[in-house]
C-alpha cells in the first residue's frame, strides 16, 4: 500500500458525496443532468490524475491526486493564517524560508510536486498529514472541508465531460477541457445562495486550479490539456461580478505568489482582485 492510499482511503466515501454538497441547491438537478442515475467514482492507485469515461458514466481518480490536492489545500491554509497574522501586526510582507514560520508552505508544495512526479513518494518527511476522522470544527476538519470542496471542483469538471457528451479521443481535446471547466465553474457558482457561500466556493475553485498549475509544472502542456494558466484565467472570467476585496481572491493571490513566484517581493496591489489578476498574469508569463 502506498502512503497516498493509506492517507486518503478514509476520504473516499465523502468524495462520492461531495459533488452534491458543494452546491446542495442543485443536488437533484446534478443527478438528472448526469442521466438520472448514479455514476461511478473510483479511487485507485496510479499517477495523480482524474479522468472521465463518458460512455461508461464513470469517473476515475487516484490516491496520489487526492493527497497532492490535500497538500495544496493545507499549504494554502497555513499561508492564509500567516497572512492574517502579518496584516494584524502591520507587516506588508511574509518571509517564507527554510526553518521559518512559513517553511511548511513550501514543504507541502514540494511534497505535492513529488507526489505528482511519483505516486510512490514517501510521505514520511512531509510536515503534516490528513486526519480523515477530524471533527468538522477542528483545524484539521476545516482543512478537510475546503479540500473536499476543491476535490468536488475537479470531480465536477469530469462530470462536465459526461454531461456534455465529450469524446475520449478527438482533435478537440483542449476545447473539451475548457468546456468542462466552464461547465463546472458555472454549476458551482450560478446559484450560490449568498456571499459567504460564493466566497467559499470561489476559494475551492482557485485551490483546484492551483493544483492543476502544479501538475503543469511537472508535466507541461500536453495534447490533451491546455495550459493551467489559460484554464485559470477562463475560470476567473466566469466568477462574474466578484468583490474587489474578495477574501477568496486575496488568499489565492498570496498562494499564486508563494507557489509559482516565491523568490521576488510581493507587489502591492490596489485591491485583492487586482492582486489576483496580477498573479494570473505572472503565471501566464511563466509558460
Protein backbone atom coordinates (compact mmCIF):
# COMPACT_ATOMS: atom_id res chain seq x y z
CA UNK A 1 0.00 0.00 0.00
CA UNK A 2 1.38 3.41 -0.94
CA UNK A 3 1.39 6.28 1.54
CA UNK A 4 -1.08 8.08 -0.72
CA UNK A 5 -3.57 5.22 -0.45
CA UNK A 6 -3.02 4.84 3.31
CA UNK A 7 -3.60 8.54 3.97
CA UNK A 8 -6.59 9.17 1.67
CA UNK A 9 -8.68 5.98 1.75
CA UNK A 10 -10.73 7.50 4.56
CA UNK A 11 -11.88 10.30 2.25
CA UNK A 12 -13.37 8.12 -0.48
CA UNK A 13 -16.96 7.91 0.79
CA UNK A 14 -17.07 11.67 1.47
CA UNK A 15 -15.67 12.29 -2.02
CA UNK A 16 -18.52 10.33 -3.57
CA UNK A 17 -20.96 12.66 -1.81
CA UNK A 18 -19.01 15.91 -2.19
CA UNK A 19 -20.11 16.92 -5.74
CA UNK A 20 -23.66 17.11 -4.34
CA UNK A 21 -22.55 19.05 -1.26
CA UNK A 22 -20.59 21.92 -2.82
CA UNK A 23 -23.80 23.16 -4.48
CA UNK A 24 -26.54 21.42 -2.48
CA UNK A 25 -29.23 23.62 -4.01
CA UNK A 26 -28.59 21.75 -7.28
CA UNK A 27 -28.06 18.19 -6.00
CA UNK A 28 -31.21 16.73 -7.60
CA UNK A 29 -30.51 18.66 -10.78
CA UNK A 30 -27.00 17.21 -10.92
CA UNK A 31 -28.30 13.67 -10.85
CA UNK A 32 -30.80 14.48 -13.62
CA UNK A 33 -28.14 16.19 -15.72
CA UNK A 34 -25.92 13.13 -15.45
CA UNK A 35 -28.67 10.92 -16.91
CA UNK A 36 -30.96 10.36 -13.94
CA UNK A 37 -28.93 7.53 -12.46
CA UNK A 38 -25.86 7.28 -10.21
CA UNK A 39 -22.45 7.20 -11.83
CA UNK A 40 -19.33 5.52 -10.55
CA UNK A 41 -16.44 7.33 -8.83
CA UNK A 42 -13.48 5.01 -8.36
CA UNK A 43 -10.30 5.95 -6.49
CA UNK A 44 -7.37 3.75 -7.47
CA UNK A 45 -3.58 3.70 -7.31
CA UNK A 46 -1.70 5.37 -10.15
CA UNK A 47 -0.30 8.74 -11.24
CA UNK A 48 -2.01 11.86 -9.86
CA UNK A 49 -4.99 12.28 -12.16
CA UNK A 50 -8.77 12.35 -12.58
CA UNK A 51 -10.41 11.10 -15.77
CA UNK A 52 -13.96 10.75 -17.08
CA UNK A 53 -15.20 7.87 -19.21
CA UNK A 54 -18.41 9.35 -20.70
CA UNK A 55 -19.67 6.18 -22.37
CA UNK A 56 -19.43 4.22 -19.10
CA UNK A 57 -20.53 7.19 -16.95
CA UNK A 58 -17.53 6.53 -14.78
CA UNK A 59 -15.03 8.89 -13.16
CA UNK A 60 -11.67 7.61 -12.01
CA UNK A 61 -9.29 9.37 -9.66
CA UNK A 62 -6.17 8.32 -7.81
CA UNK A 63 -4.96 8.43 -4.24
CA UNK A 64 -1.91 10.39 -5.43
CA UNK A 65 -4.21 13.05 -6.87
CA UNK A 66 -6.11 13.29 -3.59
CA UNK A 67 -3.05 13.54 -1.35
CA UNK A 68 -1.34 16.11 -3.57
CA UNK A 69 -4.53 18.20 -3.62
CA UNK A 70 -4.83 17.88 0.17
CA UNK A 71 -1.23 19.11 0.48
CA UNK A 72 -2.04 22.17 -1.64
CA UNK A 73 -5.10 22.88 0.50
CA UNK A 74 -3.16 22.53 3.77
CA UNK A 75 -0.40 24.76 2.41
CA UNK A 76 -2.87 27.49 1.39
CA UNK A 77 -4.48 27.29 4.84
CA UNK A 78 -1.12 27.88 6.55
CA UNK A 79 -0.36 30.75 4.18
CA UNK A 80 -3.66 32.44 4.99
CA UNK A 81 -3.10 32.13 8.75
CA UNK A 82 0.35 33.72 8.38
CA UNK A 83 -1.05 36.48 6.17
CA UNK A 84 -3.75 37.33 8.70
CA UNK A 85 -1.16 37.49 11.47
CA UNK A 86 1.09 39.71 9.35
CA UNK A 87 -1.77 42.05 8.45
CA UNK A 88 -2.84 42.33 12.09
CA UNK A 89 0.69 43.32 13.11
CA UNK A 90 1.09 45.86 10.28
CA UNK A 91 3.56 43.84 8.19
CA UNK A 92 3.48 44.22 4.42
CA UNK A 93 5.49 41.07 3.56
CA UNK A 94 5.73 37.48 4.76
CA UNK A 95 9.13 35.78 4.75
CA UNK A 96 8.80 32.18 3.61
CA UNK A 97 12.15 30.49 4.07
CA UNK A 98 13.57 27.18 5.36
CA UNK A 99 13.20 26.94 9.12
CA UNK A 100 10.94 29.99 9.27
CA UNK A 101 7.25 30.17 10.20
CA UNK A 102 6.24 29.73 6.57
CA UNK A 103 8.53 26.82 5.79
CA UNK A 104 5.65 24.30 5.90
CA UNK A 105 4.01 26.12 2.98
CA UNK A 106 6.89 25.28 0.66
CA UNK A 107 7.45 21.83 2.19
CA UNK A 108 3.83 20.87 1.49
CA UNK A 109 4.02 22.34 -2.01
CA UNK A 110 7.19 20.34 -2.69
CA UNK A 111 5.57 17.18 -1.29
CA UNK A 112 2.63 17.73 -3.66
CA UNK A 113 5.03 18.13 -6.58
CA UNK A 114 6.94 14.98 -5.59
CA UNK A 115 3.68 13.03 -5.42
CA UNK A 116 2.66 14.31 -8.85
CA UNK A 117 6.01 13.06 -10.17
CA UNK A 118 5.64 9.65 -8.49
CA UNK A 119 2.63 8.10 -6.79
CA UNK A 120 5.08 6.01 -4.73
CA UNK A 121 6.51 9.11 -3.00
CA UNK A 122 7.05 8.52 0.74
CA UNK A 123 5.06 10.95 2.86
CA UNK A 124 7.15 10.31 5.98
CA UNK A 125 9.15 13.54 5.57
CA UNK A 126 6.15 15.79 4.93
CA UNK A 127 5.32 18.31 7.69
CA UNK A 128 1.68 17.23 8.09
CA UNK A 129 -0.72 14.52 7.03
CA UNK A 130 -4.51 14.27 6.67
CA UNK A 131 -6.72 13.36 9.59
CA UNK A 132 -9.74 11.91 7.82
CA UNK A 133 -11.58 11.48 11.15
CA UNK A 134 -11.15 15.07 12.32
CA UNK A 135 -14.14 16.86 13.84
CA UNK A 136 -15.53 19.32 11.25
CA UNK A 137 -14.98 22.34 13.53
CA UNK A 138 -11.36 21.43 14.36
CA UNK A 139 -8.37 22.89 12.45
CA UNK A 140 -7.88 19.58 10.62
CA UNK A 141 -11.61 19.39 9.94
CA UNK A 142 -11.62 22.85 8.37
CA UNK A 143 -8.78 21.81 6.04
CA UNK A 144 -10.72 18.67 5.14
CA UNK A 145 -13.79 20.77 4.37
CA UNK A 146 -12.05 23.01 1.83
CA UNK A 147 -10.08 20.02 0.45
CA UNK A 148 -13.31 18.12 -0.25
CA UNK A 149 -14.75 21.24 -1.89
CA UNK A 150 -11.66 21.61 -4.11
CA UNK A 151 -11.85 17.90 -4.97
CA UNK A 152 -15.51 18.46 -5.88
CA UNK A 153 -14.43 21.11 -8.39
CA UNK A 154 -12.17 18.56 -10.07
CA UNK A 155 -14.85 15.86 -9.99
CA UNK A 156 -17.48 18.24 -11.37
CA UNK A 157 -15.09 19.09 -14.21
CA UNK A 158 -15.14 15.37 -15.03
CA UNK A 159 -18.95 15.37 -14.67
CA UNK A 160 -18.93 18.14 -17.26
CA UNK A 161 -17.27 15.81 -19.75
CA UNK A 162 -20.06 13.29 -19.18
CA UNK A 163 -22.89 15.84 -19.22
CA UNK A 164 -21.56 17.43 -22.41
CA UNK A 165 -21.09 14.08 -24.17
CA UNK A 166 -17.39 14.59 -24.79
CA UNK A 167 -15.28 12.10 -26.73
CA UNK A 168 -12.25 10.39 -25.23
CA UNK A 169 -10.20 10.51 -28.44
CA UNK A 170 -10.65 13.64 -30.54
CA UNK A 171 -8.68 16.54 -32.00
CA UNK A 172 -10.81 18.86 -29.83
CA UNK A 173 -9.31 17.78 -26.50
CA UNK A 174 -8.19 21.29 -25.47
CA UNK A 175 -11.60 22.73 -26.33
CA UNK A 176 -13.34 19.96 -24.39
CA UNK A 177 -11.21 20.64 -21.30
CA UNK A 178 -12.11 24.33 -21.38
CA UNK A 179 -15.80 23.48 -21.89
CA UNK A 180 -15.73 21.13 -18.90
CA UNK A 181 -14.01 23.82 -16.79
CA UNK A 182 -16.68 26.35 -17.74
CA UNK A 183 -19.46 23.85 -17.01
CA UNK A 184 -18.08 23.07 -13.53
CA UNK A 185 -17.44 26.69 -12.51
CA UNK A 186 -20.87 27.80 -13.70
CA UNK A 187 -22.52 24.85 -11.97
CA UNK A 188 -20.85 25.66 -8.64
CA UNK A 189 -21.34 29.45 -8.62
CA UNK A 190 -24.51 30.10 -10.63
CA UNK A 191 -26.99 29.55 -7.80
CA UNK A 192 -24.82 30.18 -4.75
CA UNK A 193 -27.31 31.34 -2.09
CA UNK A 194 -25.23 34.12 -0.51
CA UNK A 195 -21.87 35.87 -0.43
CA UNK A 196 -20.20 33.61 2.20
CA UNK A 197 -21.08 30.53 0.16
CA UNK A 198 -19.91 32.18 -3.04
CA UNK A 199 -16.59 33.12 -1.42
CA UNK A 200 -16.07 29.58 -0.09
CA UNK A 201 -16.82 28.06 -3.47
CA UNK A 202 -14.58 30.56 -5.26
CA UNK A 203 -11.69 29.65 -2.95
CA UNK A 204 -12.27 25.95 -3.64
CA UNK A 205 -12.17 26.63 -7.38
CA UNK A 206 -8.92 28.58 -7.01
CA UNK A 207 -7.26 25.83 -4.97
CA UNK A 208 -8.26 23.27 -7.60
CA UNK A 209 -6.66 25.35 -10.36
CA UNK A 210 -3.52 25.99 -8.29
CA UNK A 211 -3.22 22.19 -8.01
CA UNK A 212 -3.67 21.93 -11.79
CA UNK A 213 -0.89 24.53 -12.10
CA UNK A 214 1.44 22.26 -10.13
CA UNK A 215 0.58 19.38 -12.45
CA UNK A 216 1.60 21.68 -15.32
CA UNK A 217 4.91 22.35 -13.52
CA UNK A 218 5.67 18.63 -13.75
CA UNK A 219 4.02 17.54 -17.00
CA UNK A 220 3.81 20.78 -19.02
CA UNK A 221 1.13 21.42 -21.64
CA UNK A 222 0.03 18.24 -23.39
CA UNK A 223 -2.01 17.28 -26.43
CA UNK A 224 -4.95 16.60 -24.12
CA UNK A 225 -4.89 19.61 -21.77
CA UNK A 226 -4.38 23.36 -22.35
CA UNK A 227 -2.05 25.36 -20.08
CA UNK A 228 -3.23 25.71 -16.48
CA UNK A 229 -2.69 29.49 -16.67
CA UNK A 230 -5.19 29.72 -19.53
CA UNK A 231 -7.68 27.50 -17.73
CA UNK A 232 -7.36 29.54 -14.52
CA UNK A 233 -7.91 32.79 -16.43
CA UNK A 234 -11.03 31.31 -18.04
CA UNK A 235 -12.32 30.32 -14.60
CA UNK A 236 -11.75 33.85 -13.30
CA UNK A 237 -13.76 35.25 -16.21
CA UNK A 238 -16.65 33.05 -15.02
CA UNK A 239 -16.51 34.42 -11.46
CA UNK A 240 -18.71 37.29 -12.57
CA UNK A 241 -19.09 40.47 -10.53
CA UNK A 242 -16.86 39.41 -7.64
CA UNK A 243 -15.98 41.99 -4.96
CA UNK A 244 -12.73 43.92 -5.31
CA UNK A 245 -11.81 42.91 -1.75
CA UNK A 246 -12.87 39.27 -2.08
CA UNK A 247 -11.24 37.18 0.63
CA UNK A 248 -11.09 34.19 -1.73
CA UNK A 249 -9.15 36.23 -4.30
CA UNK A 250 -6.87 37.68 -1.60
CA UNK A 251 -5.94 34.21 -0.32
CA UNK A 252 -5.48 32.94 -3.88
CA UNK A 253 -3.31 35.95 -4.77
CA UNK A 254 -0.94 35.07 -1.91
CA UNK A 255 -0.99 31.41 -2.93
CA UNK A 256 -0.15 32.16 -6.58
CA UNK A 257 2.83 34.20 -5.40
CA UNK A 258 4.07 31.60 -2.90
CA UNK A 259 3.58 28.64 -5.23
CA UNK A 260 4.78 30.00 -8.55
CA UNK A 261 6.96 33.05 -7.84
CA UNK A 262 8.30 32.77 -4.27
CA UNK A 263 11.66 34.49 -4.77
CA UNK A 264 10.57 38.07 -5.50
CA UNK A 265 8.79 40.58 -3.28
CA UNK A 266 5.02 40.66 -3.40
CA UNK A 267 4.00 43.77 -5.35
CA UNK A 268 1.41 45.97 -3.67
CA UNK A 269 -1.96 45.95 -5.40
CA UNK A 270 -4.87 48.37 -5.13
CA UNK A 271 -7.28 45.56 -4.25
CA UNK A 272 -7.43 41.81 -3.73
CA UNK A 273 -8.96 41.48 -7.19
CA UNK A 274 -6.15 43.47 -8.83
CA UNK A 275 -3.54 41.42 -6.97
CA UNK A 276 -5.17 38.19 -8.11
CA UNK A 277 -5.19 39.39 -11.71
CA UNK A 278 -1.50 40.29 -11.39
CA UNK A 279 -0.88 36.76 -10.11
CA UNK A 280 -2.67 35.24 -13.09
CA UNK A 281 -0.64 37.41 -15.47
CA UNK A 282 2.55 36.27 -13.73
CA UNK A 283 1.50 32.63 -14.01
CA UNK A 284 0.86 33.08 -17.73
CA UNK A 285 4.30 34.64 -18.24
CA UNK A 286 5.93 31.54 -16.76
CA UNK A 287 4.66 29.41 -19.66
